[in-house]
Amino acid sequence: LELPEGCHRAVVVALAMDYEAMRSSPT
């Protein structure tokens, strides 16, 4: 696996999950 030539930057994104729904884990 190799990245395309010159791709030395990454735009990193975080996406939040539903707070109330996650409090029911591990359902």
PDB file of all heavy atoms in Angstrom:
ATOM      1  N   LEU A   1       0.844  -1.191   0.000  1.00  0.00           N
ATOM      2  CA  LEU A   1       0.000   0.000   0.000  1.00  0.00           C
ATOM      3  C   LEU A   1       0.880   1.241   0.000  1.00  0.00           C
ATOM      4  O   LEU A   1       1.759   1.392   0.855  1.00  0.00           O
ATOM      5  CB  LEU A   1      -0.914  -0.009   1.226  1.00  0.00           C
ATOM      6  CG  LEU A   1      -2.033   1.041   1.296  1.00  0.00           C
ATOM      7  CD1 LEU A   1      -3.140   0.554   2.219  1.00  0.00           C
ATOM      8  CD2 LEU A   1      -1.534   2.396   1.796  1.00  0.00           C
ATOM      9  N   GLU A   2       0.652   2.105  -0.937  1.00  0.00           N
ATOM     10  CA  GLU A   2       1.394   3.362  -1.008  1.00  0.00           C
ATOM     11  C   GLU A   2       0.423   4.501  -1.289  1.00  0.00           C
ATOM     12  O   GLU A   2      -0.485   4.370  -2.110  1.00  0.00           O
ATOM     13  CB  GLU A   2       2.462   3.307  -2.105  1.00  0.00           C
ATOM     14  CG  GLU A   2       3.583   2.317  -1.832  1.00  0.00           C
ATOM     15  CD  GLU A   2       4.650   2.357  -2.913  1.00  0.00           C
ATOM     16  OE1 GLU A   2       4.521   3.191  -3.841  1.00  0.00           O
ATOM     17  OE2 GLU A   2       5.595   1.550  -2.842  1.00  0.00           O
ATOM     18  N   LEU A   3       0.635   5.622  -0.613  1.00  0.00           N
ATOM     19  CA  LEU A   3      -0.181   6.804  -0.879  1.00  0.00           C
ATOM     20  C   LEU A   3       0.214   7.402  -2.224  1.00  0.00           C
ATOM     21  O   LEU A   3       1.360   7.242  -2.677  1.00  0.00           O
ATOM     22  CB  LEU A   3       0.035   7.846   0.216  1.00  0.00           C
ATOM     23  CG  LEU A   3      -0.521   7.515   1.602  1.00  0.00           C
ATOM     24  CD1 LEU A   3      -0.127   8.603   2.598  1.00  0.00           C
ATOM     25  CD2 LEU A   3      -2.035   7.368   1.562  1.00  0.00           C
ATOM     26  N   PRO A   4      -0.709   8.101  -2.886  1.00  0.00           N
ATOM     27  CA  PRO A   4      -0.348   8.785  -4.130  1.00  0.00           C
ATOM     28  C   PRO A   4       0.830   9.735  -3.909  1.00  0.00           C
ATOM     29  O   PRO A   4       0.985  10.307  -2.826  1.00  0.00           O
ATOM     30  CB  PRO A   4      -1.628   9.555  -4.490  1.00  0.00           C
ATOM     31  CG  PRO A   4      -2.722   8.782  -3.824  1.00  0.00           C
ATOM     32  CD  PRO A   4      -2.133   8.254  -2.556  1.00  0.00           C
ATOM     33  N   GLU A   5       1.645   9.903  -4.895  1.00  0.00           N
ATOM     34  CA  GLU A   5       2.839  10.733  -4.789  1.00  0.00           C
ATOM     35  C   GLU A   5       2.482  12.162  -4.351  1.00  0.00           C
ATOM     36  O   GLU A   5       1.555  12.779  -4.875  1.00  0.00           O
ATOM     37  CB  GLU A   5       3.559  10.783  -6.140  1.00  0.00           C
ATOM     38  CG  GLU A   5       4.881  11.530  -6.098  1.00  0.00           C
ATOM     39  CD  GLU A   5       5.585  11.518  -7.440  1.00  0.00           C
ATOM     40  OE1 GLU A   5       5.087  10.848  -8.379  1.00  0.00           O
ATOM     41  OE2 GLU A   5       6.637  12.179  -7.561  1.00  0.00           O
ATOM     42  N   GLY A   6       3.219  12.641  -3.369  1.00  0.00           N
ATOM     43  CA  GLY A   6       3.041  14.011  -2.908  1.00  0.00           C
ATOM     44  C   GLY A   6       1.984  14.202  -1.844  1.00  0.00           C
ATOM     45  O   GLY A   6       1.815  15.317  -1.324  1.00  0.00           O
ATOM     46  N   CYS A   7       1.267  13.145  -1.494  1.00  0.00           N
ATOM     47  CA  CYS A   7       0.197  13.276  -0.491  1.00  0.00           C
ATOM     48  C   CYS A   7       0.782  13.196   0.919  1.00  0.00           C
ATOM     49  O   CYS A   7       0.707  12.156   1.588  1.00  0.00           O
ATOM     50  CB  CYS A   7      -0.865  12.208  -0.706  1.00  0.00           C
ATOM     51  SG  CYS A   7      -1.867  12.481  -2.184  1.00  0.00           S
ATOM     52  N   HIS A   8       1.357  14.301   1.351  1.00  0.00           N
ATOM     53  CA  HIS A   8       2.025  14.361   2.644  1.00  0.00           C
ATOM     54  C   HIS A   8       1.172  15.042   3.721  1.00  0.00           C
ATOM     55  O   HIS A   8       1.650  15.271   4.826  1.00  0.00           O
ATOM     56  CB  HIS A   8       3.352  15.110   2.511  1.00  0.00           C
ATOM     57  CG  HIS A   8       4.263  14.521   1.486  1.00  0.00           C
ATOM     58  ND1 HIS A   8       4.600  13.184   1.472  1.00  0.00           N
ATOM     59  CD2 HIS A   8       4.911  15.095   0.420  1.00  0.00           C
ATOM     60  CE1 HIS A   8       5.414  12.946   0.457  1.00  0.00           C
ATOM     61  NE2 HIS A   8       5.615  14.077  -0.196  1.00  0.00           N
ATOM     62  N   ARG A   9      -0.066  15.381   3.386  1.00  0.00           N
ATOM     63  CA  ARG A   9      -0.960  16.001   4.352  1.00  0.00           C
ATOM     64  C   ARG A   9      -2.242  15.173   4.463  1.00  0.00           C
ATOM     65  O   ARG A   9      -2.668  14.540   3.508  1.00  0.00           O
ATOM     66  CB  ARG A   9      -1.320  17.435   3.938  1.00  0.00           C
ATOM     67  CG  ARG A   9      -0.171  18.429   4.034  1.00  0.00           C
ATOM     68  CD  ARG A   9       0.123  18.778   5.494  1.00  0.00           C
ATOM     69  NE  ARG A   9       1.086  19.850   5.605  1.00  0.00           N
ATOM     70  CZ  ARG A   9       2.397  19.695   5.677  1.00  0.00           C
ATOM     71  NH1 ARG A   9       2.906  18.463   5.613  1.00  0.00           N
ATOM     72  NH2 ARG A   9       3.196  20.723   5.808  1.00  0.00           N
ATOM     73  N   ALA A  10      -2.836  15.227   5.647  1.00  0.00           N
ATOM     74  CA  ALA A  10      -4.129  14.569   5.855  1.00  0.00           C
ATOM     75  C   ALA A  10      -5.058  15.555   6.538  1.00  0.00           C
ATOM     76  O   ALA A  10      -4.697  16.164   7.552  1.00  0.00           O
ATOM     77  CB  ALA A  10      -3.974  13.319   6.710  1.00  0.00           C
ATOM     78  N   VAL A  11      -6.236  15.728   5.970  1.00  0.00           N
ATOM     79  CA  VAL A  11      -7.288  16.493   6.629  1.00  0.00           C
ATOM     80  C   VAL A  11      -8.059  15.489   7.472  1.00  0.00           C
ATOM     81  O   VAL A  11      -8.675  14.562   6.947  1.00  0.00           O
ATOM     82  CB  VAL A  11      -8.226  17.172   5.614  1.00  0.00           C
ATOM     83  CG1 VAL A  11      -9.249  18.029   6.343  1.00  0.00           C
ATOM     84  CG2 VAL A  11      -7.430  18.016   4.626  1.00  0.00           C
ATOM     85  N   VAL A  12      -7.995  15.640   8.791  1.00  0.00           N
ATOM     86  CA  VAL A  12      -8.581  14.658   9.712  1.00  0.00           C
ATOM     87  C   VAL A  12      -9.886  15.209  10.281  1.00  0.00           C
ATOM     88  O   VAL A  12      -9.936  16.351  10.758  1.00  0.00           O
ATOM     89  CB  VAL A  12      -7.605  14.317  10.857  1.00  0.00           C
ATOM     90  CG1 VAL A  12      -8.152  13.164  11.691  1.00  0.00           C
ATOM     91  CG2 VAL A  12      -6.221  13.966  10.301  1.00  0.00           C
ATOM     92  N   VAL A  13     -10.912  14.395  10.233  1.00  0.00           N
ATOM     93  CA  VAL A  13     -12.258  14.807  10.650  1.00  0.00           C
ATOM     94  C   VAL A  13     -12.748  13.914  11.788  1.00  0.00           C
ATOM     95  O   VAL A  13     -12.571  12.687  11.752  1.00  0.00           O
ATOM     96  CB  VAL A  13     -13.241  14.725   9.459  1.00  0.00           C
ATOM     97  CG1 VAL A  13     -14.681  14.834   9.925  1.00  0.00           C
ATOM     98  CG2 VAL A  13     -12.922  15.814   8.433  1.00  0.00           C
ATOM     99  N   ALA A  14     -13.348  14.517  12.801  1.00  0.00           N
ATOM    100  CA  ALA A  14     -13.998  13.778  13.885  1.00  0.00           C
ATOM    101  C   ALA A  14     -15.495  14.046  13.822  1.00  0.00           C
ATOM    102  O   ALA A  14     -15.923  15.197  13.674  1.00  0.00           O
ATOM    103  CB  ALA A  14     -13.442  14.201  15.242  1.00  0.00           C
ATOM    104  N   LEU A  15     -16.275  12.985  13.941  1.00  0.00           N
ATOM    105  CA  LEU A  15     -17.735  13.068  13.891  1.00  0.00           C
ATOM    106  C   LEU A  15     -18.298  12.533  15.196  1.00  0.00           C
ATOM    107  O   LEU A  15     -18.052  11.381  15.568  1.00  0.00           O
ATOM    108  CB  LEU A  15     -18.263  12.256  12.710  1.00  0.00           C
ATOM    109  CG  LEU A  15     -17.738  12.712  11.340  1.00  0.00           C
ATOM    110  CD1 LEU A  15     -17.834  11.589  10.334  1.00  0.00           C
ATOM    111  CD2 LEU A  15     -18.523  13.918  10.860  1.00  0.00           C
ATOM    112  N   ALA A  16     -19.045  13.357  15.910  1.00  0.00           N
ATOM    113  CA  ALA A  16     -19.574  12.962  17.215  1.00  0.00           C
ATOM    114  C   ALA A  16     -20.762  12.017  17.070  1.00  0.00           C
ATOM    115  O   ALA A  16     -21.567  12.150  16.151  1.00  0.00           O
ATOM    116  CB  ALA A  16     -19.991  14.202  18.005  1.00  0.00           C
ATOM    117  N   MET A  17     -20.852  11.068  17.993  1.00  0.00           N
ATOM    118  CA  MET A  17     -21.984  10.145  18.048  1.00  0.00           C
ATOM    119  C   MET A  17     -22.982  10.613  19.107  1.00  0.00           C
ATOM    120  O   MET A  17     -22.620  11.370  20.015  1.00  0.00           O
ATOM    121  CB  MET A  17     -21.484   8.729  18.348  1.00  0.00           C
ATOM    122  CG  MET A  17     -20.601   8.158  17.247  1.00  0.00           C
ATOM    123  SD  MET A  17     -19.957   6.503  17.619  1.00  0.00           S
ATOM    124  CE  MET A  17     -18.692   6.882  18.849  1.00  0.00           C
ATOM    125  N   ASP A  18     -24.211  10.161  18.997  1.00  0.00           N
ATOM    126  CA  ASP A  18     -25.298  10.583  19.880  1.00  0.00           C
ATOM    127  C   ASP A  18     -24.983  10.252  21.340  1.00  0.00           C
ATOM    128  O   ASP A  18     -24.788   9.090  21.703  1.00  0.00           O
ATOM    129  CB  ASP A  18     -26.592   9.881  19.450  1.00  0.00           C
ATOM    130  CG  ASP A  18     -27.814  10.405  20.191  1.00  0.00           C
ATOM    131  OD1 ASP A  18     -27.921  10.138  21.410  1.00  0.00           O
ATOM    132  OD2 ASP A  18     -28.655  11.062  19.555  1.00  0.00           O
ATOM    133  N   TYR A  19     -24.946  11.275  22.190  1.00  0.00           N
ATOM    134  CA  TYR A  19     -24.565  11.102  23.596  1.00  0.00           C
ATOM    135  C   TYR A  19     -25.530  10.194  24.345  1.00  0.00           C
ATOM    136  O   TYR A  19     -25.124   9.242  25.024  1.00  0.00           O
ATOM    137  CB  TYR A  19     -24.490  12.472  24.277  1.00  0.00           C
ATOM    138  CG  TYR A  19     -24.275  12.416  25.770  1.00  0.00           C
ATOM    139  CD1 TYR A  19     -23.074  11.966  26.302  1.00  0.00           C
ATOM    140  CD2 TYR A  19     -25.278  12.815  26.654  1.00  0.00           C
ATOM    141  CE1 TYR A  19     -22.873  11.916  27.678  1.00  0.00           C
ATOM    142  CE2 TYR A  19     -25.089  12.766  28.030  1.00  0.00           C
ATOM    143  CZ  TYR A  19     -23.884  12.320  28.536  1.00  0.00           C
ATOM    144  OH  TYR A  19     -23.691  12.257  29.888  1.00  0.00           O
ATOM    145  N   GLU A  20     -26.817  10.447  24.225  1.00  0.00           N
ATOM    146  CA  GLU A  20     -27.810   9.683  24.962  1.00  0.00           C
ATOM    147  C   GLU A  20     -27.872   8.233  24.476  1.00  0.00           C
ATOM    148  O   GLU A  20     -28.003   7.306  25.277  1.00  0.00           O
ATOM    149  CB  GLU A  20     -29.187  10.338  24.842  1.00  0.00           C
ATOM    150  CG  GLU A  20     -29.285  11.713  25.489  1.00  0.00           C
ATOM    151  CD  GLU A  20     -29.094  11.671  27.000  1.00  0.00           C
ATOM    152  OE1 GLU A  20     -29.291  10.587  27.586  1.00  0.00           O
ATOM    153  OE2 GLU A  20     -28.760  12.709  27.588  1.00  0.00           O
ATOM    154  N   ALA A  21     -27.774   8.025  23.176  1.00  0.00           N
ATOM    155  CA  ALA A  21     -27.808   6.662  22.639  1.00  0.00           C
ATOM    156  C   ALA A  21     -26.596   5.865  23.089  1.00  0.00           C
ATOM    157  O   ALA A  21     -26.705   4.679  23.429  1.00  0.00           O
ATOM    158  CB  ALA A  21     -27.883   6.697  21.114  1.00  0.00           C
ATOM    159  N   MET A  22     -25.424   6.491  23.120  1.00  0.00           N
ATOM    160  CA  MET A  22     -24.209   5.789  23.514  1.00  0.00           C
ATOM    161  C   MET A  22     -24.222   5.407  24.992  1.00  0.00           C
ATOM    162  O   MET A  22     -23.518   4.484  25.403  1.00  0.00           O
ATOM    163  CB  MET A  22     -22.985   6.643  23.205  1.00  0.00           C
ATOM    164  CG  MET A  22     -22.730   6.883  21.727  1.00  0.00           C
ATOM    165  SD  MET A  22     -22.467   5.360  20.797  1.00  0.00           S
ATOM    166  CE  MET A  22     -20.852   4.890  21.398  1.00  0.00           C
ATOM    167  N   ARG A  23     -25.041   6.070  25.785  1.00  0.00           N
ATOM    168  CA  ARG A  23     -25.120   5.737  27.214  1.00  0.00           C
ATOM    169  C   ARG A  23     -25.830   4.402  27.450  1.00  0.00           C
ATOM    170  O   ARG A  23     -25.842   3.901  28.573  1.00  0.00           O
ATOM    171  CB  ARG A  23     -25.841   6.853  27.983  1.00  0.00           C
ATOM    172  CG  ARG A  23     -25.078   8.166  28.013  1.00  0.00           C
ATOM    173  CD  ARG A  23     -25.737   9.178  28.918  1.00  0.00           C
ATOM    174  NE  ARG A  23     -25.522   8.844  30.333  1.00  0.00           N
ATOM    175  CZ  ARG A  23     -26.108   9.494  31.343  1.00  0.00           C
ATOM    176  NH1 ARG A  23     -26.948  10.490  31.084  1.00  0.00           N
ATOM    177  NH2 ARG A  23     -25.862   9.154  32.579  1.00  0.00           N
ATOM    178  N   SER A  24     -26.401   3.817  26.389  1.00  0.00           N
ATOM    179  CA  SER A  24     -27.073   2.524  26.524  1.00  0.00           C
ATOM    180  C   SER A  24     -26.158   1.346  26.196  1.00  0.00           C
ATOM    181  O   SER A  24     -26.587   0.192  26.276  1.00  0.00           O
ATOM    182  CB  SER A  24     -28.298   2.464  25.611  1.00  0.00           C
ATOM    183  OG  SER A  24     -27.903   2.372  24.246  1.00  0.00           O
ATOM    184  N   SER A  25     -24.909   1.605  25.820  1.00  0.00           N
ATOM    185  CA  SER A  25     -23.994   0.519  25.452  1.00  0.00           C
ATOM    186  C   SER A  25     -23.882  -0.497  26.586  1.00  0.00           C
ATOM    187  O   SER A  25     -23.864  -0.115  27.767  1.00  0.00           O
ATOM    188  CB  SER A  25     -22.618   1.102  25.134  1.00  0.00           C
ATOM    189  OG  SER A  25     -21.721   0.080  24.751  1.00  0.00           O
ATOM    190  N   PRO A  26     -23.850  -1.801  26.257  1.00  0.00           N
ATOM    191  CA  PRO A  26     -23.619  -2.421  24.940  1.00  0.00           C
ATOM    192  C   PRO A  26     -24.883  -2.903  24.229  1.00  0.00           C
ATOM    193  O   PRO A  26     -24.926  -4.015  23.709  1.00  0.00           O
ATOM    194  CB  PRO A  26     -22.718  -3.599  25.303  1.00  0.00           C
ATOM    195  CG  PRO A  26     -23.239  -4.050  26.641  1.00  0.00           C
ATOM    196  CD  PRO A  26     -23.711  -2.791  27.338  1.00  0.00           C
ATOM    197  N   THR A  27     -25.931  -2.104  24.170  1.00  0.00           N
ATOM    198  CA  THR A  27     -27.168  -2.496  23.496  1.00  0.00           C
ATOM    199  C   THR A  27     -27.094  -2.190  21.995  1.00  0.00           C
ATOM    200  O   THR A  27     -26.181  -1.504  21.519  1.00  0.00           O
ATOM    201  CB  THR A  27     -28.370  -1.744  24.087  1.00  0.00           C
ATOM    202  OG1 THR A  27     -28.244  -0.349  23.763  1.00  0.00           O
ATOM    203  CG2 THR A  27     -28.437  -1.920  25.596  1.00  0.00           C
TER     204      THR A  27
END
